[in-house]
Amino acid sequence: MFGVDYQVCRRCRVAWVEEPHTDPEYQGCGLARAGLAALRAEYPDVSWHTLGGHLSDSVAFWKAVAVGVPGGYEQRDLCTHGTQY
């Protein structure tokens, strides 16, 4: 139904989401918004960003889900801490 790749660096207190996907028959039902909210609830003390590979395809979606989110899902490179997630 919905899936997203994500990484969290607890050391930098930064997280990234990339490649969100909702099955076509469920698009527009709020699954992506709920899934991203669940991730933020699991990691409440981080700033949320994206690597930006999908931004051009879904500008309106990212603007809507970024409201009130620390980091605003703005594009940001991964930190240098490797796999300390």
PDB file of N, CA and C in Angstrom:
ATOM      1  N   MET A   1       0.809  -1.173   0.000  1.00  0.00           N
ATOM      2  CA  MET A   1       0.000   0.000   0.000  1.00  0.00           C
ATOM      3  C   MET A   1       0.864   1.253   0.000  1.00  0.00           C
ATOM      4  N   PHE A   2       1.653   1.516   1.090  1.00  0.00           N
ATOM      5  CA  PHE A   2       2.548   2.664   1.141  1.00  0.00           C
ATOM      6  C   PHE A   2       3.908   2.213   1.632  1.00  0.00           C
ATOM      7  N   GLY A   3       4.940   2.781   1.052  1.00  0.00           N
ATOM      8  CA  GLY A   3       6.299   2.511   1.494  1.00  0.00           C
ATOM      9  C   GLY A   3       7.173   3.714   1.247  1.00  0.00           C
ATOM     10  N   VAL A   4       8.227   3.839   2.038  1.00  0.00           N
ATOM     11  CA  VAL A   4       9.179   4.937   1.871  1.00  0.00           C
ATOM     12  C   VAL A   4      10.531   4.474   2.413  1.00  0.00           C
ATOM     13  N   ASP A   5      11.585   4.852   1.718  1.00  0.00           N
ATOM     14  CA  ASP A   5      12.934   4.601   2.225  1.00  0.00           C
ATOM     15  C   ASP A   5      13.289   5.747   3.163  1.00  0.00           C
ATOM     16  N   TYR A   6      13.942   5.428   4.271  1.00  0.00           N
ATOM     17  CA  TYR A   6      14.341   6.491   5.189  1.00  0.00           C
ATOM     18  C   TYR A   6      15.604   6.112   5.931  1.00  0.00           C
ATOM     19  N   GLN A   7      16.303   7.132   6.386  1.00  0.00           N
ATOM     20  CA  GLN A   7      17.495   6.967   7.215  1.00  0.00           C
ATOM     21  C   GLN A   7      17.446   8.018   8.304  1.00  0.00           C
ATOM     22  N   VAL A   8      17.939   7.653   9.469  1.00  0.00           N
ATOM     23  CA  VAL A   8      17.967   8.581  10.592  1.00  0.00           C
ATOM     24  C   VAL A   8      19.370   8.574  11.183  1.00  0.00           C
ATOM     25  N   CYS A   9      19.947   9.755  11.368  1.00  0.00           N
ATOM     26  CA  CYS A   9      21.222   9.881  12.066  1.00  0.00           C
ATOM     27  C   CYS A   9      20.912  10.479  13.434  1.00  0.00           C
ATOM     28  N   ARG A  10      20.990   9.672  14.443  1.00  0.00           N
ATOM     29  CA  ARG A  10      20.700  10.140  15.805  1.00  0.00           C
ATOM     30  C   ARG A  10      21.764  11.145  16.275  1.00  0.00           C
ATOM     31  N   ARG A  11      22.964  10.970  15.760  1.00  0.00           N
ATOM     32  CA  ARG A  11      24.054  11.868  16.160  1.00  0.00           C
ATOM     33  C   ARG A  11      23.799  13.302  15.671  1.00  0.00           C
ATOM     34  N   CYS A  12      23.367  13.442  14.427  1.00  0.00           N
ATOM     35  CA  CYS A  12      23.081  14.769  13.850  1.00  0.00           C
ATOM     36  C   CYS A  12      21.642  15.217  14.120  1.00  0.00           C
ATOM     37  N   ARG A  13      20.806  14.286  14.556  1.00  0.00           N
ATOM     38  CA  ARG A  13      19.378  14.540  14.763  1.00  0.00           C
ATOM     39  C   ARG A  13      18.710  14.998  13.470  1.00  0.00           C
ATOM     40  N   VAL A  14      19.061  14.263  12.391  1.00  0.00           N
ATOM     41  CA  VAL A  14      18.530  14.541  11.060  1.00  0.00           C
ATOM     42  C   VAL A  14      18.042  13.228  10.465  1.00  0.00           C
ATOM     43  N   ALA A  15      16.938  13.311   9.719  1.00  0.00           N
ATOM     44  CA  ALA A  15      16.402  12.139   9.031  1.00  0.00           C
ATOM     45  C   ALA A  15      16.097  12.504   7.589  1.00  0.00           C
ATOM     46  N   TRP A  16      16.126  11.498   6.730  1.00  0.00           N
ATOM     47  CA  TRP A  16      15.851  11.674   5.309  1.00  0.00           C
ATOM     48  C   TRP A  16      14.809  10.657   4.874  1.00  0.00           C
ATOM     49  N   VAL A  17      13.909  11.088   4.029  1.00  0.00           N
ATOM     50  CA  VAL A  17      12.978  10.174   3.370  1.00  0.00           C
ATOM     51  C   VAL A  17      13.212  10.280   1.871  1.00  0.00           C
ATOM     52  N   GLU A  18      13.004   9.173   1.174  1.00  0.00           N
ATOM     53  CA  GLU A  18      13.212   9.135  -0.264  1.00  0.00           C
ATOM     54  C   GLU A  18      12.347   8.030  -0.858  1.00  0.00           C
ATOM     55  N   GLU A  19      11.935   8.233  -2.071  1.00  0.00           N
ATOM     56  CA  GLU A  19      11.167   7.245  -2.822  1.00  0.00           C
ATOM     57  C   GLU A  19       9.845   6.846  -2.163  1.00  0.00           C
ATOM     58  N   PRO A  20       9.023   7.796  -1.732  1.00  0.00           N
ATOM     59  CA  PRO A  20       7.720   7.408  -1.190  1.00  0.00           C
ATOM     60  C   PRO A  20       6.859   6.823  -2.301  1.00  0.00           C
ATOM     61  N   HIS A  21       6.083   5.817  -1.960  1.00  0.00           N
ATOM     62  CA  HIS A  21       5.228   5.183  -2.965  1.00  0.00           C
ATOM     63  C   HIS A  21       3.935   4.697  -2.324  1.00  0.00           C
ATOM     64  N   THR A  22       2.845   5.043  -2.951  1.00  0.00           N
ATOM     65  CA  THR A  22       1.532   4.518  -2.577  1.00  0.00           C
ATOM     66  C   THR A  22       0.977   3.811  -3.795  1.00  0.00           C
ATOM     67  N   ASP A  23       0.460   2.607  -3.610  1.00  0.00           N
ATOM     68  CA  ASP A  23      -0.157   1.888  -4.723  1.00  0.00           C
ATOM     69  C   ASP A  23      -1.233   2.769  -5.349  1.00  0.00           C
ATOM     70  N   PRO A  24      -1.313   2.763  -6.677  1.00  0.00           N
ATOM     71  CA  PRO A  24      -2.247   3.655  -7.369  1.00  0.00           C
ATOM     72  C   PRO A  24      -3.680   3.617  -6.850  1.00  0.00           C
ATOM     73  N   GLU A  25      -4.182   2.454  -6.500  1.00  0.00           N
ATOM     74  CA  GLU A  25      -5.572   2.380  -6.046  1.00  0.00           C
ATOM     75  C   GLU A  25      -5.798   3.037  -4.682  1.00  0.00           C
ATOM     76  N   TYR A  26      -4.706   3.348  -3.976  1.00  0.00           N
ATOM     77  CA  TYR A  26      -4.818   3.984  -2.656  1.00  0.00           C
ATOM     78  C   TYR A  26      -4.318   5.432  -2.649  1.00  0.00           C
ATOM     79  N   GLN A  27      -3.854   5.926  -3.780  1.00  0.00           N
ATOM     80  CA  GLN A  27      -3.372   7.300  -3.831  1.00  0.00           C
ATOM     81  C   GLN A  27      -4.521   8.255  -3.547  1.00  0.00           C
ATOM     82  N   GLY A  28      -4.233   9.279  -2.791  1.00  0.00           N
ATOM     83  CA  GLY A  28      -5.243  10.265  -2.439  1.00  0.00           C
ATOM     84  C   GLY A  28      -6.049   9.918  -1.198  1.00  0.00           C
ATOM     85  N   CYS A  29      -5.721   8.804  -0.553  1.00  0.00           N
ATOM     86  CA  CYS A  29      -6.451   8.361   0.645  1.00  0.00           C
ATOM     87  C   CYS A  29      -5.762   8.779   1.950  1.00  0.00           C
ATOM     88  N   GLY A  30      -4.622   9.414   1.862  1.00  0.00           N
ATOM     89  CA  GLY A  30      -3.925   9.878   3.056  1.00  0.00           C
ATOM     90  C   GLY A  30      -2.917   8.899   3.628  1.00  0.00           C
ATOM     91  N   LEU A  31      -2.634   7.796   2.922  1.00  0.00           N
ATOM     92  CA  LEU A  31      -1.681   6.817   3.454  1.00  0.00           C
ATOM     93  C   LEU A  31      -0.268   7.391   3.560  1.00  0.00           C
ATOM     94  N   ALA A  32       0.167   8.127   2.567  1.00  0.00           N
ATOM     95  CA  ALA A  32       1.516   8.698   2.607  1.00  0.00           C
ATOM     96  C   ALA A  32       1.636   9.695   3.761  1.00  0.00           C
ATOM     97  N   ARG A  33       0.648  10.540   3.904  1.00  0.00           N
ATOM     98  CA  ARG A  33       0.666  11.517   5.002  1.00  0.00           C
ATOM     99  C   ARG A  33       0.710  10.784   6.349  1.00  0.00           C
ATOM    100  N   ALA A  34      -0.083   9.741   6.494  1.00  0.00           N
ATOM    101  CA  ALA A  34      -0.110   8.974   7.749  1.00  0.00           C
ATOM    102  C   ALA A  34       1.204   8.235   7.973  1.00  0.00           C
ATOM    103  N   GLY A  35       1.769   7.680   6.917  1.00  0.00           N
ATOM    104  CA  GLY A  35       3.037   6.966   7.042  1.00  0.00           C
ATOM    105  C   GLY A  35       4.173   7.882   7.461  1.00  0.00           C
ATOM    106  N   LEU A  36       4.231   9.060   6.862  1.00  0.00           N
ATOM    107  CA  LEU A  36       5.271  10.022   7.244  1.00  0.00           C
ATOM    108  C   LEU A  36       5.054  10.529   8.666  1.00  0.00           C
ATOM    109  N   ALA A  37       3.805  10.714   9.051  1.00  0.00           N
ATOM    110  CA  ALA A  37       3.504  11.133  10.433  1.00  0.00           C
ATOM    111  C   ALA A  37       3.945  10.054  11.422  1.00  0.00           C
ATOM    112  N   ALA A  38       3.760   8.787  11.070  1.00  0.00           N
ATOM    113  CA  ALA A  38       4.184   7.684  11.949  1.00  0.00           C
ATOM    114  C   ALA A  38       5.703   7.691  12.122  1.00  0.00           C
ATOM    115  N   LEU A  39       6.442   7.946  11.043  1.00  0.00           N
ATOM    116  CA  LEU A  39       7.903   8.034  11.162  1.00  0.00           C
ATOM    117  C   LEU A  39       8.310   9.192  12.065  1.00  0.00           C
ATOM    118  N   ARG A  40       7.660  10.333  11.887  1.00  0.00           N
ATOM    119  CA  ARG A  40       7.993  11.483  12.743  1.00  0.00           C
ATOM    120  C   ARG A  40       7.680  11.193  14.205  1.00  0.00           C
ATOM    121  N   ALA A  41       6.626  10.448  14.465  1.00  0.00           N
ATOM    122  CA  ALA A  41       6.284  10.089  15.844  1.00  0.00           C
ATOM    123  C   ALA A  41       7.316   9.125  16.430  1.00  0.00           C
ATOM    124  N   GLU A  42       7.858   8.257  15.591  1.00  0.00           N
ATOM    125  CA  GLU A  42       8.870   7.294  16.051  1.00  0.00           C
ATOM    126  C   GLU A  42      10.203   7.981  16.333  1.00  0.00           C
ATOM    127  N   TYR A  43      10.486   9.049  15.614  1.00  0.00           N
ATOM    128  CA  TYR A  43      11.731   9.811  15.776  1.00  0.00           C
ATOM    129  C   TYR A  43      11.362  11.286  15.965  1.00  0.00           C
ATOM    130  N   PRO A  44      10.849  11.659  17.128  1.00  0.00           N
ATOM    131  CA  PRO A  44      10.318  13.011  17.315  1.00  0.00           C
ATOM    132  C   PRO A  44      11.372  14.108  17.459  1.00  0.00           C
ATOM    133  N   ASP A  45      12.607  13.735  17.692  1.00  0.00           N
ATOM    134  CA  ASP A  45      13.629  14.745  17.973  1.00  0.00           C
ATOM    135  C   ASP A  45      14.566  14.999  16.802  1.00  0.00           C
ATOM    136  N   VAL A  46      14.122  14.718  15.574  1.00  0.00           N
ATOM    137  CA  VAL A  46      14.977  14.925  14.406  1.00  0.00           C
ATOM    138  C   VAL A  46      14.332  15.901  13.427  1.00  0.00           C
ATOM    139  N   SER A  47      15.162  16.446  12.567  1.00  0.00           N
ATOM    140  CA  SER A  47      14.738  17.327  11.489  1.00  0.00           C
ATOM    141  C   SER A  47      14.615  16.477  10.227  1.00  0.00           C
ATOM    142  N   TRP A  48      13.504  16.602   9.520  1.00  0.00           N
ATOM    143  CA  TRP A  48      13.210  15.731   8.373  1.00  0.00           C
ATOM    144  C   TRP A  48      13.535  16.392   7.051  1.00  0.00           C
ATOM    145  N   HIS A  49      14.255  15.647   6.211  1.00  0.00           N
ATOM    146  CA  HIS A  49      14.694  16.142   4.910  1.00  0.00           C
ATOM    147  C   HIS A  49      14.509  15.053   3.856  1.00  0.00           C
ATOM    148  N   THR A  50      14.920  15.364   2.651  1.00  0.00           N
ATOM    149  CA  THR A  50      14.907  14.414   1.555  1.00  0.00           C
ATOM    150  C   THR A  50      16.178  14.611   0.741  1.00  0.00           C
ATOM    151  N   LEU A  51      16.542  13.603  -0.012  1.00  0.00           N
ATOM    152  CA  LEU A  51      17.670  13.741  -0.921  1.00  0.00           C
ATOM    153  C   LEU A  51      17.241  14.475  -2.186  1.00  0.00           C
ATOM    154  N   GLY A  52      15.944  14.553  -2.421  1.00  0.00           N
ATOM    155  CA  GLY A  52      15.401  15.378  -3.489  1.00  0.00           C
ATOM    156  C   GLY A  52      15.161  14.704  -4.818  1.00  0.00           C
ATOM    157  N   GLY A  53      15.415  13.425  -4.926  1.00  0.00           N
ATOM    158  CA  GLY A  53      15.242  12.751  -6.201  1.00  0.00           C
ATOM    159  C   GLY A  53      13.820  12.705  -6.718  1.00  0.00           C
ATOM    160  N   HIS A  54      12.864  12.884  -5.864  1.00  0.00           N
ATOM    161  CA  HIS A  54      11.454  12.773  -6.251  1.00  0.00           C
ATOM    162  C   HIS A  54      10.716  14.116  -6.220  1.00  0.00           C
ATOM    163  N   LEU A  55      11.375  15.164  -5.820  1.00  0.00           N
ATOM    164  CA  LEU A  55      10.686  16.435  -5.589  1.00  0.00           C
ATOM    165  C   LEU A  55       9.980  16.994  -6.818  1.00  0.00           C
ATOM    166  N   SER A  56      10.572  16.883  -7.982  1.00  0.00           N
ATOM    167  CA  SER A  56       9.975  17.500  -9.167  1.00  0.00           C
ATOM    168  C   SER A  56       8.648  16.858  -9.554  1.00  0.00           C
ATOM    169  N   ASP A  57       8.446  15.614  -9.190  1.00  0.00           N
ATOM    170  CA  ASP A  57       7.221  14.907  -9.552  1.00  0.00           C
ATOM    171  C   ASP A  57       6.051  15.181  -8.619  1.00  0.00           C
ATOM    172  N   SER A  58       6.319  15.741  -7.445  1.00  0.00           N
ATOM    173  CA  SER A  58       5.254  15.837  -6.444  1.00  0.00           C
ATOM    174  C   SER A  58       5.396  17.071  -5.554  1.00  0.00           C
ATOM    175  N   VAL A  59       5.585  18.197  -6.161  1.00  0.00           N
ATOM    176  CA  VAL A  59       5.808  19.441  -5.420  1.00  0.00           C
ATOM    177  C   VAL A  59       4.649  19.738  -4.472  1.00  0.00           C
ATOM    178  N   ALA A  60       3.416  19.629  -4.946  1.00  0.00           N
ATOM    179  CA  ALA A  60       2.248  19.951  -4.116  1.00  0.00           C
ATOM    180  C   ALA A  60       2.160  19.030  -2.900  1.00  0.00           C
ATOM    181  N   PHE A  61       2.433  17.738  -3.100  1.00  0.00           N
ATOM    182  CA  PHE A  61       2.395  16.790  -1.982  1.00  0.00           C
ATOM    183  C   PHE A  61       3.397  17.189  -0.908  1.00  0.00           C
ATOM    184  N   TRP A  62       4.647  17.459  -1.297  1.00  0.00           N
ATOM    185  CA  TRP A  62       5.684  17.769  -0.318  1.00  0.00           C
ATOM    186  C   TRP A  62       5.422  19.083   0.394  1.00  0.00           C
ATOM    187  N   LYS A  63       4.852  20.046  -0.320  1.00  0.00           N
ATOM    188  CA  LYS A  63       4.485  21.299   0.345  1.00  0.00           C
ATOM    189  C   LYS A  63       3.418  21.046   1.399  1.00  0.00           C
ATOM    190  N   ALA A  64       2.458  20.187   1.085  1.00  0.00           N
ATOM    191  CA  ALA A  64       1.364  19.902   2.021  1.00  0.00           C
ATOM    192  C   ALA A  64       1.850  19.142   3.250  1.00  0.00           C
ATOM    193  N   VAL A  65       2.675  18.118   3.071  1.00  0.00           N
ATOM    194  CA  VAL A  65       3.103  17.310   4.217  1.00  0.00           C
ATOM    195  C   VAL A  65       4.214  17.980   5.015  1.00  0.00           C
ATOM    196  N   ALA A  66       4.847  19.020   4.475  1.00  0.00           N
ATOM    197  CA  ALA A  66       5.950  19.680   5.164  1.00  0.00           C
ATOM    198  C   ALA A  66       5.491  20.722   6.179  1.00  0.00           C
ATOM    199  N   VAL A  67       4.229  21.097   6.146  1.00  0.00           N
ATOM    200  CA  VAL A  67       3.735  22.146   7.039  1.00  0.00           C
ATOM    201  C   VAL A  67       3.942  21.736   8.501  1.00  0.00           C
ATOM    202  N   GLY A  68       4.679  22.549   9.232  1.00  0.00           N
ATOM    203  CA  GLY A  68       4.912  22.302  10.652  1.00  0.00           C
ATOM    204  C   GLY A  68       5.936  21.222  10.969  1.00  0.00           C
ATOM    205  N   VAL A  69       6.612  20.700   9.942  1.00  0.00           N
ATOM    206  CA  VAL A  69       7.585  19.626  10.142  1.00  0.00           C
ATOM    207  C   VAL A  69       8.988  20.223  10.245  1.00  0.00           C
ATOM    208  N   PRO A  70       9.708  19.968  11.341  1.00  0.00           N
ATOM    209  CA  PRO A  70      11.089  20.448  11.441  1.00  0.00           C
ATOM    210  C   PRO A  70      11.903  19.933  10.254  1.00  0.00           C
ATOM    211  N   GLY A  71      12.536  20.827   9.529  1.00  0.00           N
ATOM    212  CA  GLY A  71      13.298  20.467   8.335  1.00  0.00           C
ATOM    213  C   GLY A  71      12.485  20.641   7.067  1.00  0.00           C
ATOM    214  N   GLY A  72      11.168  20.535   7.185  1.00  0.00           N
ATOM    215  CA  GLY A  72      10.267  20.774   6.065  1.00  0.00           C
ATOM    216  C   GLY A  72      10.477  19.895   4.857  1.00  0.00           C
ATOM    217  N   TYR A  73      11.122  18.757   5.026  1.00  0.00           N
ATOM    218  CA  TYR A  73      11.420  17.855   3.915  1.00  0.00           C
ATOM    219  C   TYR A  73      12.177  18.565   2.802  1.00  0.00           C
ATOM    220  N   GLU A  74      12.955  19.594   3.185  1.00  0.00           N
ATOM    221  CA  GLU A  74      13.780  20.265   2.193  1.00  0.00           C
ATOM    222  C   GLU A  74      14.966  19.377   1.841  1.00  0.00           C
ATOM    223  N   GLN A  75      15.494  19.572   0.654  1.00  0.00           N
ATOM    224  CA  GLN A  75      16.595  18.760   0.175  1.00  0.00           C
ATOM    225  C   GLN A  75      17.842  19.003   1.012  1.00  0.00           C
ATOM    226  N   ARG A  76      18.506  17.912   1.385  1.00  0.00           N
ATOM    227  CA  ARG A  76      19.735  17.977   2.175  1.00  0.00           C
ATOM    228  C   ARG A  76      20.524  16.705   1.925  1.00  0.00           C
ATOM    229  N   ASP A  77      21.831  16.842   1.772  1.00  0.00           N
ATOM    230  CA  ASP A  77      22.697  15.678   1.577  1.00  0.00           C
ATOM    231  C   ASP A  77      22.773  14.865   2.857  1.00  0.00           C
ATOM    232  N   LEU A  78      23.089  13.579   2.706  1.00  0.00           N
ATOM    233  CA  LEU A  78      23.305  12.717   3.866  1.00  0.00           C
ATOM    234  C   LEU A  78      24.503  13.211   4.664  1.00  0.00           C
ATOM    235  N   CYS A  79      24.488  12.952   5.951  1.00  0.00           N
ATOM    236  CA  CYS A  79      25.626  13.329   6.792  1.00  0.00           C
ATOM    237  C   CYS A  79      26.790  12.373   6.530  1.00  0.00           C
ATOM    238  N   THR A  80      27.890  12.622   7.190  1.00  0.00           N
ATOM    239  CA  THR A  80      29.114  11.822   6.963  1.00  0.00           C
ATOM    240  C   THR A  80      29.295  10.689   7.974  1.00  0.00           C
ATOM    241  N   HIS A  81      28.291  10.388   8.753  1.00  0.00           N
ATOM    242  CA  HIS A  81      28.438   9.387   9.809  1.00  0.00           C
ATOM    243  C   HIS A  81      28.201   7.957   9.352  1.00  0.00           C
ATOM    244  N   GLY A  82      28.124   7.733   8.063  1.00  0.00           N
ATOM    245  CA  GLY A  82      27.987   6.370   7.564  1.00  0.00           C
ATOM    246  C   GLY A  82      26.661   5.763   7.950  1.00  0.00           C
ATOM    247  N   THR A  83      26.708   4.620   8.592  1.00  0.00           N
ATOM    248  CA  THR A  83      25.487   3.874   8.887  1.00  0.00           C
ATOM    249  C   THR A  83      25.145   3.888  10.371  1.00  0.00           C
ATOM    250  N   GLN A  84      25.351   4.978  11.036  1.00  0.00           N
ATOM    251  CA  GLN A  84      25.009   5.085  12.452  1.00  0.00           C
ATOM    252  C   GLN A  84      23.537   5.499  12.588  1.00  0.00           C
ATOM    253  N   TYR A  85      22.666   4.685  12.048  1.00  0.00           N
ATOM    254  CA  TYR A  85      21.242   5.015  12.031  1.00  0.00           C
ATOM    255  C   TYR A  85      20.463   4.096  12.939  1.00  0.00           C
TER     256      TYR A  85
END
